[in-house]
């Protein structure tokens, strides 16, 4: 998939996202704007770890 195709798909998905979420998405994209590729990759991995371990983290918090 080309960059242009990806951008078009993002626009399609954004049109279906609830309005309340759009600000969060914009904030997230603005955060990524000033980061290096390595920093973005670390953030991506960290978010994936948190998502995968969500249940464990909830149990630990109790």
C-alpha atoms as a PDB file:
ATOM      1  CA  UNK A   1       0.000   0.000   0.000  1.00  0.00           C
ATOM      2  CA  UNK A   2       1.416   3.378  -0.958  1.00  0.00           C
ATOM      3  CA  UNK A   3       1.595   6.372   1.357  1.00  0.00           C
ATOM      4  CA  UNK A   4      -1.170   8.075  -0.624  1.00  0.00           C
ATOM      5  CA  UNK A   5      -3.417   5.011  -0.311  1.00  0.00           C
ATOM      6  CA  UNK A   6      -2.781   4.855   3.430  1.00  0.00           C
ATOM      7  CA  UNK A   7      -3.679   8.539   3.802  1.00  0.00           C
ATOM      8  CA  UNK A   8      -6.893   7.983   1.856  1.00  0.00           C
ATOM      9  CA  UNK A   9      -7.805   5.060   4.104  1.00  0.00           C
ATOM     10  CA  UNK A  10      -7.099   7.161   7.196  1.00  0.00           C
ATOM     11  CA  UNK A  11      -9.457   9.859   5.914  1.00  0.00           C
ATOM     12  CA  UNK A  12     -12.170   7.233   5.302  1.00  0.00           C
ATOM     13  CA  UNK A  13     -11.810   5.899   8.826  1.00  0.00           C
ATOM     14  CA  UNK A  14     -11.757   9.393  10.358  1.00  0.00           C
ATOM     15  CA  UNK A  15     -15.109  10.103   8.725  1.00  0.00           C
ATOM     16  CA  UNK A  16     -16.567   7.184  10.706  1.00  0.00           C
ATOM     17  CA  UNK A  17     -14.973   7.979  14.079  1.00  0.00           C
ATOM     18  CA  UNK A  18     -17.133   9.676  16.740  1.00  0.00           C
ATOM     19  CA  UNK A  19     -16.465  13.417  17.021  1.00  0.00           C
ATOM     20  CA  UNK A  20     -15.347  13.064  20.657  1.00  0.00           C
ATOM     21  CA  UNK A  21     -12.367  10.975  19.549  1.00  0.00           C
ATOM     22  CA  UNK A  22     -11.134  13.336  16.840  1.00  0.00           C
ATOM     23  CA  UNK A  23      -9.404  15.671  19.304  1.00  0.00           C
ATOM     24  CA  UNK A  24      -7.523  12.747  20.848  1.00  0.00           C
ATOM     25  CA  UNK A  25      -6.432  11.565  17.411  1.00  0.00           C
ATOM     26  CA  UNK A  26      -5.264  15.061  16.483  1.00  0.00           C
ATOM     27  CA  UNK A  27      -3.311  15.364  19.738  1.00  0.00           C
ATOM     28  CA  UNK A  28      -1.681  11.984  19.137  1.00  0.00           C
ATOM     29  CA  UNK A  29      -0.688  12.904  15.570  1.00  0.00           C
ATOM     30  CA  UNK A  30       0.730  16.228  16.733  1.00  0.00           C
ATOM     31  CA  UNK A  31       2.798  14.376  19.347  1.00  0.00           C
ATOM     32  CA  UNK A  32       4.277  12.172  16.644  1.00  0.00           C
ATOM     33  CA  UNK A  33       5.073  15.097  14.365  1.00  0.00           C
ATOM     34  CA  UNK A  34       8.152  16.217  16.286  1.00  0.00           C
ATOM     35  CA  UNK A  35       9.545  12.763  17.024  1.00  0.00           C
ATOM     36  CA  UNK A  36      12.287  10.832  15.298  1.00  0.00           C
ATOM     37  CA  UNK A  37      11.556   7.485  13.676  1.00  0.00           C
ATOM     38  CA  UNK A  38      13.192   5.685  16.627  1.00  0.00           C
ATOM     39  CA  UNK A  39      11.059   7.573  19.133  1.00  0.00           C
ATOM     40  CA  UNK A  40       7.886   6.796  17.198  1.00  0.00           C
ATOM     41  CA  UNK A  41       8.822   3.127  17.078  1.00  0.00           C
ATOM     42  CA  UNK A  42       9.407   3.059  20.853  1.00  0.00           C
ATOM     43  CA  UNK A  43       6.046   4.743  21.475  1.00  0.00           C
ATOM     44  CA  UNK A  44       4.345   2.254  19.176  1.00  0.00           C
ATOM     45  CA  UNK A  45       5.935  -0.713  20.968  1.00  0.00           C
ATOM     46  CA  UNK A  46       5.130   0.724  24.391  1.00  0.00           C
ATOM     47  CA  UNK A  47       1.461   1.203  23.459  1.00  0.00           C
ATOM     48  CA  UNK A  48       1.308  -2.362  22.127  1.00  0.00           C
ATOM     49  CA  UNK A  49       2.792  -3.724  25.365  1.00  0.00           C
ATOM     50  CA  UNK A  50       0.270  -1.760  27.417  1.00  0.00           C
ATOM     51  CA  UNK A  51      -2.598  -3.022  25.280  1.00  0.00           C
ATOM     52  CA  UNK A  52      -1.431  -6.629  25.434  1.00  0.00           C
ATOM     53  CA  UNK A  53      -0.919  -6.486  29.197  1.00  0.00           C
ATOM     54  CA  UNK A  54      -4.044  -4.457  30.011  1.00  0.00           C
ATOM     55  CA  UNK A  55      -5.662  -7.223  32.067  1.00  0.00           C
ATOM     56  CA  UNK A  56      -2.487  -7.914  33.997  1.00  0.00           C
ATOM     57  CA  UNK A  57      -2.002  -4.225  34.759  1.00  0.00           C
ATOM     58  CA  UNK A  58      -5.607  -3.965  36.002  1.00  0.00           C
ATOM     59  CA  UNK A  59      -5.077  -6.917  38.350  1.00  0.00           C
ATOM     60  CA  UNK A  60      -1.822  -5.447  39.652  1.00  0.00           C
ATOM     61  CA  UNK A  61      -3.526  -2.128  40.326  1.00  0.00           C
ATOM     62  CA  UNK A  62      -6.141  -3.739  42.587  1.00  0.00           C
END
